[in-house]
Amino acid sequence: MLDLELLKTLVCVVDERSFTRAAERVHRTQSTVSQQINKLEDNVGRALLVRDRTGKRVSPTEHGEILAAYARRLLAIAQEAEDMLSAPTVLAPVRVGVPEDFNAQRMSTMLSDFLAIHPGVRLDTVSGMSTDLHHKLHLGEIDIALVKREPGSGECIASWPESLVWVAGKTAMPNNEEVPLAVFPQGCVYRQRAVRALDKIGKRWRVVFGSHSLTGIQAAVASGLGISVLPTTAVLPEHRALGEADGFPPLPPTELALVSSPMPLNTAQRQLVAFLADSIGK
């Protein structure tokens, strides 16, 4: 295996075209430099340098030029590795689960604000239905998650009630015969609220539009495609709230909860938990 110290000496001699000047660069005597080159030549079995008649001027042979080129690359990689190992320890990434039906712009703003305060942290975000995020937490695939759920349905770091409302498009007229629903997939607490409320009063319904995306549901409602149940924070100006006068019963609140994996949280994870708990509560 090639010795990096010998390669460094070779590069210095090739650059300086002189044993004397090369010795000054590597802080060794001229005889030591000469011995190192001889050792390197013995190791590779090739002549690497030739001296002129005066013995003062040195130039690389063809093999010397080839090995010097490789030596520069090897030395650069070695230096890069040394720099990486001497750099401050990089924090492990914080893996965050975000529900599909959470306001993406609001979440992006909060995470951006967090990184501005903690630039050494790397965030890996995963979106999904709240039931899926719970599963990923227990499998250890994510560290922290925001989930939508029934109020008080388990331990959490912090929680916030969510007021729900029936929404339709501004100009949409509710169908008294059958309610066209624009809803999230099975397992979504908003969908469960809508279906249970309609079943309880004996009102017929059918799903006309489904989407994992909050933006998709909001757009479907705004266009008059269907009626949905959304948190009041997700109601757009293009929406119209429906109430008992329209034939739609009141909806009990759901809950937004901040939960973590069973494993102890590291410093970066605790910092994000504290930041989210404070930011969401505002």
Protein backbone atom coordinates (compact mmCIF):
# COMPACT_ATOMS: atom_id res chain seq x y z
CA MET A 1 0.00 0.00 0.00
CA LEU A 2 1.26 3.45 -0.88
CA ASP A 3 2.50 5.57 2.01
CA LEU A 4 0.86 9.01 2.05
CA GLU A 5 3.94 10.62 3.62
CA LEU A 6 6.13 9.33 0.80
CA LEU A 7 3.60 10.52 -1.78
CA LYS A 8 3.54 13.97 -0.17
CA THR A 9 7.33 14.14 -0.46
CA LEU A 10 7.14 13.10 -4.13
CA VAL A 11 4.64 15.86 -4.92
CA CYS A 12 6.84 18.45 -3.20
CA VAL A 13 9.94 17.38 -5.15
CA VAL A 14 8.00 17.38 -8.45
CA ASP A 15 6.58 20.83 -7.69
CA GLU A 16 9.91 22.35 -6.59
CA ARG A 17 12.15 20.47 -9.06
CA SER A 18 14.64 20.41 -6.21
CA PHE A 19 15.41 18.18 -3.24
CA THR A 20 16.63 21.16 -1.25
CA ARG A 21 13.47 23.26 -1.67
CA ALA A 22 11.26 20.18 -1.20
CA ALA A 23 13.05 19.44 2.09
CA GLU A 24 12.24 22.95 3.28
CA ARG A 25 8.55 22.47 2.47
CA VAL A 26 8.22 19.18 4.36
CA HIS A 27 10.52 20.34 7.18
CA ARG A 28 13.02 17.53 6.72
CA THR A 29 16.67 17.31 5.74
CA GLN A 30 17.64 16.88 2.12
CA SER A 31 19.07 13.43 2.86
CA THR A 32 15.77 12.34 4.46
CA VAL A 33 13.84 13.49 1.39
CA SER A 34 16.23 11.61 -0.86
CA GLN A 35 15.83 8.48 1.25
CA GLN A 36 12.02 8.76 1.10
CA ILE A 37 12.06 9.00 -2.71
CA ASN A 38 14.39 6.00 -2.89
CA LYS A 39 12.03 4.04 -0.64
CA LEU A 40 9.03 5.01 -2.79
CA GLU A 41 10.86 3.97 -5.96
CA ASP A 42 11.70 0.62 -4.35
CA ASN A 43 8.05 0.13 -3.36
CA VAL A 44 6.65 0.80 -6.85
CA GLY A 45 9.58 -0.75 -8.70
CA ARG A 46 9.97 2.27 -10.98
CA ALA A 47 12.32 5.22 -11.34
CA LEU A 48 10.30 8.29 -10.48
CA LEU A 49 12.81 11.14 -10.72
CA VAL A 50 15.87 11.99 -12.78
CA ARG A 51 18.57 14.50 -11.91
CA ASP A 52 20.48 16.69 -14.34
CA ARG A 53 24.26 16.55 -14.64
CA THR A 54 24.77 19.06 -11.85
CA GLY A 55 22.55 17.05 -9.51
CA LYS A 56 20.65 20.19 -8.51
CA ARG A 57 17.81 20.08 -11.03
CA VAL A 58 15.22 17.27 -10.64
CA SER A 59 12.42 16.29 -13.01
CA PRO A 60 9.88 13.46 -12.94
CA THR A 61 10.03 10.46 -15.22
CA GLU A 62 6.89 9.40 -17.07
CA HIS A 63 6.01 7.08 -14.19
CA GLY A 64 6.87 9.85 -11.75
CA GLU A 65 4.36 12.18 -13.43
CA ILE A 66 1.66 9.49 -13.36
CA LEU A 67 2.23 8.68 -9.70
CA ALA A 68 2.39 12.38 -8.76
CA ALA A 69 -1.04 12.93 -10.36
CA TYR A 70 -2.53 10.06 -8.35
CA ALA A 71 -0.70 11.27 -5.25
CA ARG A 72 -2.38 14.68 -5.45
CA ARG A 73 -5.82 13.04 -5.58
CA LEU A 74 -5.06 10.66 -2.73
CA LEU A 75 -3.69 13.44 -0.55
CA ALA A 76 -6.74 15.62 -1.27
CA ILE A 77 -9.10 12.80 -0.27
CA ALA A 78 -7.08 12.12 2.87
CA GLN A 79 -7.25 15.81 3.80
CA GLU A 80 -11.00 15.86 3.16
CA ALA A 81 -11.48 12.86 5.45
CA GLU A 82 -9.35 14.49 8.14
CA ASP A 83 -11.35 17.73 7.87
CA MET A 84 -14.65 15.87 8.17
CA LEU A 85 -13.50 13.97 11.25
CA SER A 86 -12.23 17.13 12.91
CA ALA A 87 -15.43 19.08 12.16
CA PRO A 88 -18.04 19.55 14.90
CA THR A 89 -20.29 16.53 15.40
CA VAL A 90 -23.30 16.62 13.06
CA LEU A 91 -26.60 16.16 14.86
CA ALA A 92 -28.70 13.20 13.82
CA PRO A 93 -31.66 14.18 11.65
CA VAL A 94 -34.96 14.86 13.34
CA ARG A 95 -37.71 12.85 11.64
CA VAL A 96 -41.07 14.59 11.80
CA GLY A 97 -44.46 13.24 10.79
CA VAL A 98 -47.07 15.73 9.57
CA PRO A 99 -50.70 14.82 8.83
CA GLU A 100 -51.83 15.11 5.22
CA ASP A 101 -54.72 17.33 6.32
CA PHE A 102 -52.53 19.91 8.06
CA ASN A 103 -51.93 23.33 6.53
CA ALA A 104 -48.71 22.77 4.54
CA GLN A 105 -47.84 26.45 4.32
CA ARG A 106 -48.20 26.94 8.05
CA MET A 107 -46.06 23.87 8.77
CA SER A 108 -43.37 24.95 6.31
CA THR A 109 -43.21 28.37 7.92
CA MET A 110 -42.82 26.90 11.40
CA LEU A 111 -40.08 24.49 10.33
CA SER A 112 -38.27 27.25 8.47
CA ASP A 113 -38.38 29.46 11.56
CA PHE A 114 -37.02 26.60 13.66
CA LEU A 115 -34.07 26.00 11.31
CA ALA A 116 -33.25 29.71 11.35
CA ILE A 117 -32.70 29.37 15.11
CA HIS A 118 -31.08 25.91 14.96
CA PRO A 119 -29.10 25.76 11.68
CA GLY A 120 -27.20 22.65 12.78
CA VAL A 121 -30.34 20.50 12.77
CA ARG A 122 -31.50 18.54 9.72
CA LEU A 123 -35.21 17.87 9.40
CA ASP A 124 -36.68 14.89 7.56
CA THR A 125 -40.44 15.28 7.18
CA VAL A 126 -42.94 12.56 6.35
CA SER A 127 -46.59 13.22 5.56
CA GLY A 128 -49.41 10.74 5.93
CA MET A 129 -52.71 9.98 7.57
CA SER A 130 -52.62 10.28 11.35
CA THR A 131 -53.16 6.52 11.78
CA ASP A 132 -50.13 5.86 9.56
CA LEU A 133 -48.01 8.35 11.50
CA HIS A 134 -48.87 6.59 14.77
CA HIS A 135 -47.72 3.32 13.22
CA LYS A 136 -44.45 4.85 12.03
CA LEU A 137 -43.81 6.24 15.52
CA HIS A 138 -44.15 2.81 17.11
CA LEU A 139 -41.89 1.28 14.45
CA GLY A 140 -39.24 3.92 15.17
CA GLU A 141 -39.39 5.30 11.62
CA ILE A 142 -40.10 8.85 12.84
CA ASP A 143 -39.31 10.64 16.11
CA ILE A 144 -42.09 13.22 16.44
CA ALA A 145 -45.53 13.58 14.88
CA LEU A 146 -48.49 15.89 14.75
CA VAL A 147 -51.69 13.86 14.60
CA LYS A 148 -55.41 14.55 14.32
CA ARG A 149 -57.40 12.42 16.74
CA GLU A 150 -60.32 12.08 19.13
CA PRO A 151 -59.78 14.35 22.15
CA GLY A 152 -57.83 12.73 24.98
CA SER A 153 -57.23 9.49 23.09
CA GLY A 154 -53.74 8.78 24.41
CA GLU A 155 -50.64 10.36 25.84
CA CYS A 156 -49.11 13.39 24.15
CA ILE A 157 -46.61 16.17 24.68
CA ALA A 158 -49.17 18.89 23.94
CA SER A 159 -52.62 19.11 22.41
CA TRP A 160 -54.98 21.70 20.98
CA PRO A 161 -58.74 21.42 20.39
CA GLU A 162 -59.93 21.79 16.80
CA SER A 163 -63.36 23.28 16.12
CA LEU A 164 -65.00 21.68 13.09
CA VAL A 165 -67.53 23.06 10.65
CA TRP A 166 -69.46 21.86 7.62
CA VAL A 167 -68.36 23.76 4.51
CA ALA A 168 -69.67 24.16 1.00
CA GLY A 169 -68.81 26.41 -1.92
CA LYS A 170 -69.97 30.01 -1.77
CA THR A 171 -72.71 29.48 -4.34
CA ALA A 172 -73.34 25.75 -3.80
CA MET A 173 -76.85 24.73 -2.78
CA PRO A 174 -76.96 21.72 -0.39
CA ASN A 175 -78.85 18.71 -1.72
CA ASN A 176 -81.56 17.77 0.75
CA GLU A 177 -81.88 14.28 -0.75
CA GLU A 178 -78.24 13.18 -0.57
CA VAL A 179 -75.11 14.92 0.70
CA PRO A 180 -72.16 14.82 -1.75
CA LEU A 181 -69.06 14.50 0.39
CA ALA A 182 -65.54 15.64 -0.45
CA VAL A 183 -63.46 13.87 2.18
CA PHE A 184 -60.11 12.47 3.18
CA PRO A 185 -59.48 8.69 2.99
CA GLN A 186 -60.71 6.12 5.51
CA GLY A 187 -59.17 6.63 8.93
CA CYS A 188 -59.38 10.42 8.86
CA VAL A 189 -61.13 11.78 11.96
CA TYR A 190 -62.85 14.52 9.90
CA ARG A 191 -64.36 11.91 7.60
CA GLN A 192 -65.53 9.91 10.60
CA ARG A 193 -67.15 12.99 12.09
CA ALA A 194 -69.03 13.73 8.87
CA VAL A 195 -70.28 10.19 8.28
CA ARG A 196 -71.31 9.57 11.89
CA ALA A 197 -73.14 12.89 12.14
CA LEU A 198 -75.12 12.25 8.95
CA ASP A 199 -75.89 8.64 9.89
CA LYS A 200 -77.09 9.79 13.30
CA ILE A 201 -79.74 12.07 11.78
CA GLY A 202 -80.58 9.56 9.06
CA LYS A 203 -79.35 11.70 6.19
CA ARG A 204 -78.16 9.96 3.04
CA TRP A 205 -74.67 10.68 1.75
CA ARG A 206 -72.16 9.55 -0.85
CA VAL A 207 -68.47 10.27 -1.42
CA VAL A 208 -68.03 12.23 -4.66
CA PHE A 209 -64.42 13.27 -4.14
CA GLY A 210 -61.55 11.91 -2.10
CA SER A 211 -58.03 13.24 -1.55
CA HIS A 212 -55.12 12.93 0.88
CA SER A 213 -54.42 16.64 0.39
CA LEU A 214 -56.00 19.44 2.40
CA THR A 215 -55.53 21.71 -0.61
CA GLY A 216 -57.38 19.21 -2.79
CA ILE A 217 -60.35 19.03 -0.42
CA GLN A 218 -60.47 22.82 -0.07
CA ALA A 219 -60.47 23.25 -3.86
CA ALA A 220 -63.17 20.61 -4.36
CA VAL A 221 -65.42 22.35 -1.84
CA ALA A 222 -64.75 25.82 -3.29
CA SER A 223 -65.68 24.62 -6.77
CA GLY A 224 -69.01 23.26 -5.54
CA LEU A 225 -68.03 19.64 -6.13
CA GLY A 226 -68.90 18.52 -2.62
CA ILE A 227 -69.44 19.33 1.04
CA SER A 228 -66.83 18.58 3.66
CA VAL A 229 -65.96 18.82 7.34
CA LEU A 230 -62.90 20.97 8.05
CA PRO A 231 -61.33 22.66 11.05
CA THR A 232 -62.24 26.34 11.23
CA THR A 233 -58.58 27.21 10.61
CA ALA A 234 -58.81 25.58 7.16
CA VAL A 235 -61.95 27.40 5.95
CA LEU A 236 -61.22 29.62 2.93
CA PRO A 237 -62.96 32.82 1.79
CA GLU A 238 -64.35 30.74 -1.09
CA HIS A 239 -66.17 28.51 1.42
CA ARG A 240 -69.51 28.92 3.15
CA ALA A 241 -70.16 27.43 6.59
CA LEU A 242 -73.28 25.29 6.96
CA GLY A 243 -75.27 24.95 10.15
CA GLU A 244 -78.46 23.55 11.59
CA ALA A 245 -80.52 25.93 9.49
CA ASP A 246 -79.07 24.19 6.44
CA GLY A 247 -79.82 20.76 7.86
CA PHE A 248 -76.35 19.98 9.18
CA PRO A 249 -75.86 19.09 12.86
CA PRO A 250 -73.21 20.61 15.13
CA LEU A 251 -69.89 18.79 15.20
CA PRO A 252 -67.93 17.99 18.37
CA PRO A 253 -64.29 19.15 18.27
CA THR A 254 -61.35 16.97 17.39
CA GLU A 255 -57.81 17.34 18.68
CA LEU A 256 -54.39 18.16 17.21
CA ALA A 257 -51.76 16.40 19.31
CA LEU A 258 -47.97 16.48 19.36
CA VAL A 259 -46.66 13.00 20.13
CA SER A 260 -43.25 11.34 20.17
CA SER A 261 -41.79 7.85 19.87
CA PRO A 262 -41.30 5.75 23.03
CA MET A 263 -37.52 6.28 22.78
CA PRO A 264 -35.90 9.16 24.75
CA LEU A 265 -35.56 12.34 22.70
CA ASN A 266 -32.14 13.84 21.98
CA THR A 267 -31.34 17.54 22.31
CA ALA A 268 -32.36 18.51 18.76
CA GLN A 269 -35.64 16.58 19.04
CA ARG A 270 -36.48 18.22 22.37
CA GLN A 271 -35.74 21.63 20.87
CA LEU A 272 -38.14 21.00 17.99
CA VAL A 273 -40.83 19.67 20.33
CA ALA A 274 -40.60 22.81 22.49
CA PHE A 275 -40.65 25.05 19.42
CA LEU A 276 -43.70 23.36 17.87
CA ALA A 277 -45.58 23.30 21.17
CA ASP A 278 -45.05 27.05 21.47
CA SER A 279 -45.70 27.92 17.82
CA ILE A 280 -48.87 25.88 17.33
CA GLY A 281 -50.36 27.27 20.51
CA LYS A 282 -50.09 30.84 19.29
